[in-house]
């Protein structure tokens, strides 16, 4: 049987506008990117940890924390409109062409999920091993009724009916992607479908309170408070 190789890729494009220098900005005392790198390196099933960035400065800091940065991402794949999957496919192609390295699985860890835990990764890896999934990703619970606003600010229910019970327990449970805590995808499926969310995608449910995605300063401030007090929060939740 072919030995499984799990490549951890940490995307870290420069040029964040809402939080300038986000990937290397100090979060609870050290660069944000350090948390994802240290976490990936501590997972036993991970074969390599690579930071995919267009920035020499980000690459240098990533190496300080033990990640590999064999190539810089080309500028055309580091624009606001660039698709993340294209950068991943480009990296995989270079690894194959220049190093003859082809992982069996790719794990994508976003730097913007500092409340991710090792258990989230381990549960995701177990599910992709024990099922027919070609992708396993993480989600968190959300309100089961989904509304849109049109251009006139009219509210529109897009699932179910307003005549249904207002008791949320009467609705089918709903989930959202939780800031891309974890994506694990089989390389063969990724290369064939050119998508991270492949046709056979399954999900691991994570805690809602940990599912903060650092997209703006408000997220950053809230996430730091949660991170610094996470053990107290866990204990408090158990007692409620």
C-alpha atoms as a PDB file:
ATOM      1  CA  UNK A   1       0.000   0.000   0.000  1.00  0.00           C
ATOM      2  CA  UNK A   2       1.262   3.458  -0.927  1.00  0.00           C
ATOM      3  CA  UNK A   3       2.352   5.424   2.120  1.00  0.00           C
ATOM      4  CA  UNK A   4       0.113   8.419   2.761  1.00  0.00           C
ATOM      5  CA  UNK A   5       1.778  11.807   2.590  1.00  0.00           C
ATOM      6  CA  UNK A   6      -0.132  14.734   4.076  1.00  0.00           C
ATOM      7  CA  UNK A   7       1.177  18.103   2.920  1.00  0.00           C
ATOM      8  CA  UNK A   8       0.111  21.063   5.069  1.00  0.00           C
ATOM      9  CA  UNK A   9      -0.187  24.264   3.055  1.00  0.00           C
ATOM     10  CA  UNK A  10      -0.608  27.583   4.848  1.00  0.00           C
ATOM     11  CA  UNK A  11      -1.684  30.305   2.389  1.00  0.00           C
ATOM     12  CA  UNK A  12      -0.319  33.721   3.362  1.00  0.00           C
ATOM     13  CA  UNK A  13      -0.820  36.279   0.637  1.00  0.00           C
ATOM     14  CA  UNK A  14       0.418  39.798   1.382  1.00  0.00           C
ATOM     15  CA  UNK A  15      -1.629  42.920   0.800  1.00  0.00           C
ATOM     16  CA  UNK A  16      -4.448  42.586   3.330  1.00  0.00           C
ATOM     17  CA  UNK A  17      -6.375  45.869   3.239  1.00  0.00           C
ATOM     18  CA  UNK A  18      -8.730  45.584   6.230  1.00  0.00           C
ATOM     19  CA  UNK A  19      -5.960  44.413   8.591  1.00  0.00           C
ATOM     20  CA  UNK A  20      -2.640  45.566   7.086  1.00  0.00           C
ATOM     21  CA  UNK A  21       0.157  43.023   7.441  1.00  0.00           C
ATOM     22  CA  UNK A  22      -2.329  40.564   8.917  1.00  0.00           C
ATOM     23  CA  UNK A  23      -0.321  37.367   8.525  1.00  0.00           C
ATOM     24  CA  UNK A  24       2.685  38.660  10.451  1.00  0.00           C
ATOM     25  CA  UNK A  25       0.922  41.092  12.787  1.00  0.00           C
ATOM     26  CA  UNK A  26       1.412  40.175  16.458  1.00  0.00           C
ATOM     27  CA  UNK A  27      -1.546  38.191  17.824  1.00  0.00           C
ATOM     28  CA  UNK A  28      -1.405  37.516  21.571  1.00  0.00           C
ATOM     29  CA  UNK A  29       2.336  37.999  21.514  1.00  0.00           C
ATOM     30  CA  UNK A  30       3.610  36.421  18.295  1.00  0.00           C
ATOM     31  CA  UNK A  31       3.041  36.652  14.536  1.00  0.00           C
ATOM     32  CA  UNK A  32      -0.377  35.336  13.529  1.00  0.00           C
ATOM     33  CA  UNK A  33       1.147  32.927  11.021  1.00  0.00           C
ATOM     34  CA  UNK A  34       3.174  31.255  13.783  1.00  0.00           C
ATOM     35  CA  UNK A  35       0.070  29.613  15.255  1.00  0.00           C
ATOM     36  CA  UNK A  36      -0.812  27.734  12.073  1.00  0.00           C
ATOM     37  CA  UNK A  37       2.805  26.698  11.489  1.00  0.00           C
ATOM     38  CA  UNK A  38       3.348  25.405  15.024  1.00  0.00           C
ATOM     39  CA  UNK A  39       0.057  23.567  14.929  1.00  0.00           C
ATOM     40  CA  UNK A  40       0.803  21.876  11.613  1.00  0.00           C
ATOM     41  CA  UNK A  41       4.272  20.867  12.781  1.00  0.00           C
ATOM     42  CA  UNK A  42       2.864  19.287  15.931  1.00  0.00           C
ATOM     43  CA  UNK A  43       0.508  16.964  14.027  1.00  0.00           C
ATOM     44  CA  UNK A  44       2.144  13.566  13.622  1.00  0.00           C
ATOM     45  CA  UNK A  45       0.531  12.681  10.299  1.00  0.00           C
ATOM     46  CA  UNK A  46       1.801  15.824   8.528  1.00  0.00           C
ATOM     47  CA  UNK A  47       4.685  15.107   6.148  1.00  0.00           C
ATOM     48  CA  UNK A  48       5.668  18.696   5.271  1.00  0.00           C
ATOM     49  CA  UNK A  49       4.583  22.207   6.242  1.00  0.00           C
ATOM     50  CA  UNK A  50       4.802  24.778   3.456  1.00  0.00           C
ATOM     51  CA  UNK A  51       3.816  28.433   3.622  1.00  0.00           C
ATOM     52  CA  UNK A  52       2.612  29.641   0.228  1.00  0.00           C
ATOM     53  CA  UNK A  53       3.250  33.377   0.000  1.00  0.00           C
ATOM     54  CA  UNK A  54       4.219  36.086  -2.439  1.00  0.00           C
ATOM     55  CA  UNK A  55       6.072  38.038   0.276  1.00  0.00           C
ATOM     56  CA  UNK A  56       9.784  37.572   1.092  1.00  0.00           C
ATOM     57  CA  UNK A  57       9.100  39.099   4.545  1.00  0.00           C
ATOM     58  CA  UNK A  58       6.321  36.601   5.320  1.00  0.00           C
ATOM     59  CA  UNK A  59       8.508  33.791   3.976  1.00  0.00           C
ATOM     60  CA  UNK A  60      11.393  34.768   6.272  1.00  0.00           C
ATOM     61  CA  UNK A  61       9.167  34.822   9.366  1.00  0.00           C
ATOM     62  CA  UNK A  62       7.583  31.516   8.335  1.00  0.00           C
ATOM     63  CA  UNK A  63      11.023  29.901   8.187  1.00  0.00           C
ATOM     64  CA  UNK A  64      11.841  31.261  11.655  1.00  0.00           C
ATOM     65  CA  UNK A  65       8.931  29.198  12.973  1.00  0.00           C
ATOM     66  CA  UNK A  66       9.935  26.057  11.104  1.00  0.00           C
ATOM     67  CA  UNK A  67       7.918  26.127   7.886  1.00  0.00           C
ATOM     68  CA  UNK A  68       9.331  25.534   4.437  1.00  0.00           C
ATOM     69  CA  UNK A  69       9.026  28.210   1.728  1.00  0.00           C
ATOM     70  CA  UNK A  70      10.514  26.554  -1.360  1.00  0.00           C
ATOM     71  CA  UNK A  71       8.918  29.004  -3.812  1.00  0.00           C
ATOM     72  CA  UNK A  72       7.342  32.438  -3.769  1.00  0.00           C
ATOM     73  CA  UNK A  73       3.842  32.628  -5.192  1.00  0.00           C
ATOM     74  CA  UNK A  74       3.791  34.440  -8.588  1.00  0.00           C
ATOM     75  CA  UNK A  75       2.335  37.936  -8.520  1.00  0.00           C
ATOM     76  CA  UNK A  76      -0.535  37.004 -10.840  1.00  0.00           C
ATOM     77  CA  UNK A  77      -1.743  34.466  -8.266  1.00  0.00           C
ATOM     78  CA  UNK A  78      -1.531  36.959  -5.382  1.00  0.00           C
ATOM     79  CA  UNK A  79      -4.152  39.498  -6.453  1.00  0.00           C
ATOM     80  CA  UNK A  80      -7.399  40.317  -4.643  1.00  0.00           C
ATOM     81  CA  UNK A  81      -9.260  38.543  -7.446  1.00  0.00           C
ATOM     82  CA  UNK A  82      -6.995  35.481  -7.514  1.00  0.00           C
ATOM     83  CA  UNK A  83      -8.526  32.121  -6.651  1.00  0.00           C
ATOM     84  CA  UNK A  84      -6.847  30.294  -3.794  1.00  0.00           C
ATOM     85  CA  UNK A  85      -7.167  26.922  -5.490  1.00  0.00           C
ATOM     86  CA  UNK A  86      -5.111  28.165  -8.451  1.00  0.00           C
ATOM     87  CA  UNK A  87      -2.200  29.010  -6.139  1.00  0.00           C
ATOM     88  CA  UNK A  88      -2.424  25.577  -4.518  1.00  0.00           C
ATOM     89  CA  UNK A  89      -2.456  23.825  -7.893  1.00  0.00           C
ATOM     90  CA  UNK A  90       0.526  25.910  -9.001  1.00  0.00           C
ATOM     91  CA  UNK A  91       2.457  24.958  -5.854  1.00  0.00           C
ATOM     92  CA  UNK A  92       1.668  21.261  -6.286  1.00  0.00           C
ATOM     93  CA  UNK A  93       2.815  21.382  -9.903  1.00  0.00           C
ATOM     94  CA  UNK A  94       6.143  23.000  -8.958  1.00  0.00           C
ATOM     95  CA  UNK A  95       6.728  20.494  -6.168  1.00  0.00           C
ATOM     96  CA  UNK A  96       6.146  17.673  -8.644  1.00  0.00           C
ATOM     97  CA  UNK A  97       8.256  19.151 -11.421  1.00  0.00           C
ATOM     98  CA  UNK A  98      11.187  20.413  -9.334  1.00  0.00           C
ATOM     99  CA  UNK A  99      11.262  18.029  -6.371  1.00  0.00           C
ATOM    100  CA  UNK A 100       9.355  14.967  -7.623  1.00  0.00           C
ATOM    101  CA  UNK A 101       7.208  15.387  -4.513  1.00  0.00           C
ATOM    102  CA  UNK A 102       3.558  14.343  -4.791  1.00  0.00           C
ATOM    103  CA  UNK A 103       1.550  14.135  -1.538  1.00  0.00           C
ATOM    104  CA  UNK A 104      -1.453  11.841  -1.332  1.00  0.00           C
ATOM    105  CA  UNK A 105      -3.407  14.457   0.638  1.00  0.00           C
ATOM    106  CA  UNK A 106      -3.291  18.223   1.015  1.00  0.00           C
ATOM    107  CA  UNK A 107      -4.329  20.028   4.189  1.00  0.00           C
ATOM    108  CA  UNK A 108      -5.038  23.745   4.009  1.00  0.00           C
ATOM    109  CA  UNK A 109      -4.783  25.698   7.249  1.00  0.00           C
ATOM    110  CA  UNK A 110      -5.730  29.359   7.145  1.00  0.00           C
ATOM    111  CA  UNK A 111      -3.719  31.728   9.318  1.00  0.00           C
ATOM    112  CA  UNK A 112      -6.957  33.541  10.208  1.00  0.00           C
ATOM    113  CA  UNK A 113      -8.257  30.763  12.487  1.00  0.00           C
ATOM    114  CA  UNK A 114      -6.067  30.997  15.624  1.00  0.00           C
ATOM    115  CA  UNK A 115      -8.705  29.263  17.761  1.00  0.00           C
ATOM    116  CA  UNK A 116      -8.361  26.059  15.752  1.00  0.00           C
ATOM    117  CA  UNK A 117      -7.191  23.096  17.857  1.00  0.00           C
ATOM    118  CA  UNK A 118      -5.204  19.958  17.112  1.00  0.00           C
ATOM    119  CA  UNK A 119      -8.342  17.900  17.711  1.00  0.00           C
ATOM    120  CA  UNK A 120     -10.037  19.627  14.762  1.00  0.00           C
ATOM    121  CA  UNK A 121      -7.248  18.436  12.472  1.00  0.00           C
ATOM    122  CA  UNK A 122      -7.173  14.918  13.922  1.00  0.00           C
ATOM    123  CA  UNK A 123     -10.949  14.484  13.584  1.00  0.00           C
ATOM    124  CA  UNK A 124     -10.812  15.707   9.978  1.00  0.00           C
ATOM    125  CA  UNK A 125      -7.975  13.319   9.125  1.00  0.00           C
ATOM    126  CA  UNK A 126      -9.802  10.393  10.722  1.00  0.00           C
ATOM    127  CA  UNK A 127     -12.970  11.121   8.737  1.00  0.00           C
ATOM    128  CA  UNK A 128     -11.190  11.219   5.397  1.00  0.00           C
ATOM    129  CA  UNK A 129      -9.479   7.913   6.277  1.00  0.00           C
ATOM    130  CA  UNK A 130     -12.664   6.188   7.447  1.00  0.00           C
ATOM    131  CA  UNK A 131     -15.080   7.328   4.725  1.00  0.00           C
ATOM    132  CA  UNK A 132     -15.389   7.723   0.967  1.00  0.00           C
ATOM    133  CA  UNK A 133     -14.856  11.485   1.228  1.00  0.00           C
ATOM    134  CA  UNK A 134     -12.368  13.143  -1.103  1.00  0.00           C
ATOM    135  CA  UNK A 135     -12.593  16.358   0.930  1.00  0.00           C
ATOM    136  CA  UNK A 136     -13.195  16.887   4.624  1.00  0.00           C
ATOM    137  CA  UNK A 137     -13.693  20.401   5.933  1.00  0.00           C
ATOM    138  CA  UNK A 138     -14.806  22.022   9.170  1.00  0.00           C
ATOM    139  CA  UNK A 139     -18.060  23.845   9.855  1.00  0.00           C
ATOM    140  CA  UNK A 140     -19.859  25.380  12.813  1.00  0.00           C
ATOM    141  CA  UNK A 141     -23.546  25.626  13.683  1.00  0.00           C
ATOM    142  CA  UNK A 142     -25.509  28.699  12.618  1.00  0.00           C
ATOM    143  CA  UNK A 143     -29.119  29.851  12.757  1.00  0.00           C
ATOM    144  CA  UNK A 144     -31.260  27.485  10.661  1.00  0.00           C
ATOM    145  CA  UNK A 145     -33.235  30.223   8.902  1.00  0.00           C
ATOM    146  CA  UNK A 146     -31.342  32.060   6.155  1.00  0.00           C
ATOM    147  CA  UNK A 147     -32.329  35.526   4.981  1.00  0.00           C
ATOM    148  CA  UNK A 148     -31.123  37.764   2.173  1.00  0.00           C
ATOM    149  CA  UNK A 149     -31.658  41.501   1.744  1.00  0.00           C
ATOM    150  CA  UNK A 150     -32.527  42.814  -1.713  1.00  0.00           C
ATOM    151  CA  UNK A 151     -31.426  46.210  -3.061  1.00  0.00           C
ATOM    152  CA  UNK A 152     -34.331  47.912  -1.300  1.00  0.00           C
ATOM    153  CA  UNK A 153     -33.373  46.304   2.025  1.00  0.00           C
ATOM    154  CA  UNK A 154     -36.387  44.005   1.925  1.00  0.00           C
ATOM    155  CA  UNK A 155     -35.753  40.839   3.937  1.00  0.00           C
ATOM    156  CA  UNK A 156     -36.276  37.565   2.076  1.00  0.00           C
ATOM    157  CA  UNK A 157     -36.317  34.100   3.607  1.00  0.00           C
ATOM    158  CA  UNK A 158     -34.483  31.808   1.183  1.00  0.00           C
ATOM    159  CA  UNK A 159     -35.027  28.476   2.898  1.00  0.00           C
ATOM    160  CA  UNK A 160     -38.277  27.209   4.367  1.00  0.00           C
ATOM    161  CA  UNK A 161     -41.367  29.314   4.978  1.00  0.00           C
ATOM    162  CA  UNK A 162     -42.364  32.094   7.360  1.00  0.00           C
ATOM    163  CA  UNK A 163     -45.367  29.950   8.314  1.00  0.00           C
ATOM    164  CA  UNK A 164     -43.040  27.384   9.866  1.00  0.00           C
ATOM    165  CA  UNK A 165     -42.532  27.294  13.617  1.00  0.00           C
ATOM    166  CA  UNK A 166     -40.350  30.024  15.103  1.00  0.00           C
ATOM    167  CA  UNK A 167     -38.826  27.385  17.371  1.00  0.00           C
ATOM    168  CA  UNK A 168     -35.368  26.809  15.906  1.00  0.00           C
ATOM    169  CA  UNK A 169     -35.436  23.198  17.079  1.00  0.00           C
ATOM    170  CA  UNK A 170     -38.229  22.563  14.568  1.00  0.00           C
ATOM    171  CA  UNK A 171     -35.914  23.472  11.699  1.00  0.00           C
ATOM    172  CA  UNK A 172     -33.242  21.358  10.090  1.00  0.00           C
ATOM    173  CA  UNK A 173     -29.837  22.184  11.680  1.00  0.00           C
ATOM    174  CA  UNK A 174     -27.726  24.570   9.622  1.00  0.00           C
ATOM    175  CA  UNK A 175     -23.973  25.054   9.347  1.00  0.00           C
ATOM    176  CA  UNK A 176     -21.459  27.445   7.793  1.00  0.00           C
ATOM    177  CA  UNK A 177     -17.798  27.093   6.899  1.00  0.00           C
ATOM    178  CA  UNK A 178     -15.995  28.300   9.991  1.00  0.00           C
ATOM    179  CA  UNK A 179     -13.243  30.496   8.652  1.00  0.00           C
ATOM    180  CA  UNK A 180     -11.602  27.534   6.927  1.00  0.00           C
ATOM    181  CA  UNK A 181     -10.366  25.947  10.142  1.00  0.00           C
ATOM    182  CA  UNK A 182      -9.313  22.833   8.237  1.00  0.00           C
ATOM    183  CA  UNK A 183      -9.548  21.565   4.675  1.00  0.00           C
ATOM    184  CA  UNK A 184      -8.142  18.129   3.860  1.00  0.00           C
ATOM    185  CA  UNK A 185      -8.464  16.942   0.275  1.00  0.00           C
ATOM    186  CA  UNK A 186      -7.164  13.938  -1.622  1.00  0.00           C
ATOM    187  CA  UNK A 187      -4.621  15.190  -4.123  1.00  0.00           C
ATOM    188  CA  UNK A 188      -5.991  13.099  -6.978  1.00  0.00           C
ATOM    189  CA  UNK A 189      -9.465  14.604  -6.557  1.00  0.00           C
ATOM    190  CA  UNK A 190      -8.051  18.119  -6.232  1.00  0.00           C
ATOM    191  CA  UNK A 191      -6.068  17.772  -9.451  1.00  0.00           C
ATOM    192  CA  UNK A 192      -9.000  16.235 -11.315  1.00  0.00           C
ATOM    193  CA  UNK A 193     -11.768  18.581 -10.180  1.00  0.00           C
ATOM    194  CA  UNK A 194      -9.650  21.731  -9.728  1.00  0.00           C
ATOM    195  CA  UNK A 195     -11.668  22.424  -6.582  1.00  0.00           C
ATOM    196  CA  UNK A 196     -11.013  22.088  -2.864  1.00  0.00           C
ATOM    197  CA  UNK A 197     -14.678  21.347  -2.155  1.00  0.00           C
ATOM    198  CA  UNK A 198     -14.909  18.220  -4.263  1.00  0.00           C
ATOM    199  CA  UNK A 199     -17.955  16.123  -5.196  1.00  0.00           C
ATOM    200  CA  UNK A 200     -17.615  13.911  -2.116  1.00  0.00           C
ATOM    201  CA  UNK A 201     -17.166  16.434   0.682  1.00  0.00           C
ATOM    202  CA  UNK A 202     -17.912  15.674   4.311  1.00  0.00           C
ATOM    203  CA  UNK A 203     -17.739  17.943   7.351  1.00  0.00           C
ATOM    204  CA  UNK A 204     -16.561  17.950  10.947  1.00  0.00           C
ATOM    205  CA  UNK A 205     -18.580  20.196  13.282  1.00  0.00           C
ATOM    206  CA  UNK A 206     -16.547  22.529  15.520  1.00  0.00           C
ATOM    207  CA  UNK A 207     -17.457  24.793  18.411  1.00  0.00           C
ATOM    208  CA  UNK A 208     -19.265  27.937  17.345  1.00  0.00           C
ATOM    209  CA  UNK A 209     -17.421  30.163  19.821  1.00  0.00           C
ATOM    210  CA  UNK A 210     -14.034  29.153  18.404  1.00  0.00           C
ATOM    211  CA  UNK A 211     -15.106  29.750  14.818  1.00  0.00           C
ATOM    212  CA  UNK A 212     -13.899  33.329  14.465  1.00  0.00           C
ATOM    213  CA  UNK A 213     -12.360  34.309  11.122  1.00  0.00           C
ATOM    214  CA  UNK A 214     -10.008  37.294  11.297  1.00  0.00           C
ATOM    215  CA  UNK A 215     -11.462  39.425   8.531  1.00  0.00           C
ATOM    216  CA  UNK A 216     -11.563  42.877  10.161  1.00  0.00           C
ATOM    217  CA  UNK A 217     -10.291  44.668  13.305  1.00  0.00           C
ATOM    218  CA  UNK A 218     -13.424  43.730  15.249  1.00  0.00           C
ATOM    219  CA  UNK A 219     -12.766  40.028  14.556  1.00  0.00           C
ATOM    220  CA  UNK A 220      -9.153  40.466  15.642  1.00  0.00           C
ATOM    221  CA  UNK A 221     -10.010  42.108  18.972  1.00  0.00           C
ATOM    222  CA  UNK A 222     -12.708  39.534  19.760  1.00  0.00           C
ATOM    223  CA  UNK A 223     -10.510  36.610  18.773  1.00  0.00           C
ATOM    224  CA  UNK A 224      -7.625  37.755  20.986  1.00  0.00           C
ATOM    225  CA  UNK A 225      -9.966  37.938  23.968  1.00  0.00           C
ATOM    226  CA  UNK A 226     -11.290  34.456  23.229  1.00  0.00           C
ATOM    227  CA  UNK A 227      -7.794  33.042  22.717  1.00  0.00           C
ATOM    228  CA  UNK A 228      -6.410  34.484  25.957  1.00  0.00           C
ATOM    229  CA  UNK A 229      -9.400  33.157  27.920  1.00  0.00           C
ATOM    230  CA  UNK A 230     -10.137  29.934  26.055  1.00  0.00           C
ATOM    231  CA  UNK A 231      -9.466  27.581  28.965  1.00  0.00           C
ATOM    232  CA  UNK A 232     -11.735  29.612  31.241  1.00  0.00           C
ATOM    233  CA  UNK A 233     -14.409  29.645  28.536  1.00  0.00           C
ATOM    234  CA  UNK A 234     -14.235  25.858  28.159  1.00  0.00           C
ATOM    235  CA  UNK A 235     -14.649  25.376  31.897  1.00  0.00           C
ATOM    236  CA  UNK A 236     -17.499  27.863  32.054  1.00  0.00           C
ATOM    237  CA  UNK A 237     -19.334  26.119  29.217  1.00  0.00           C
ATOM    238  CA  UNK A 238     -19.083  22.799  31.049  1.00  0.00           C
ATOM    239  CA  UNK A 239     -20.728  24.306  34.122  1.00  0.00           C
ATOM    240  CA  UNK A 240     -23.720  25.825  32.323  1.00  0.00           C
END
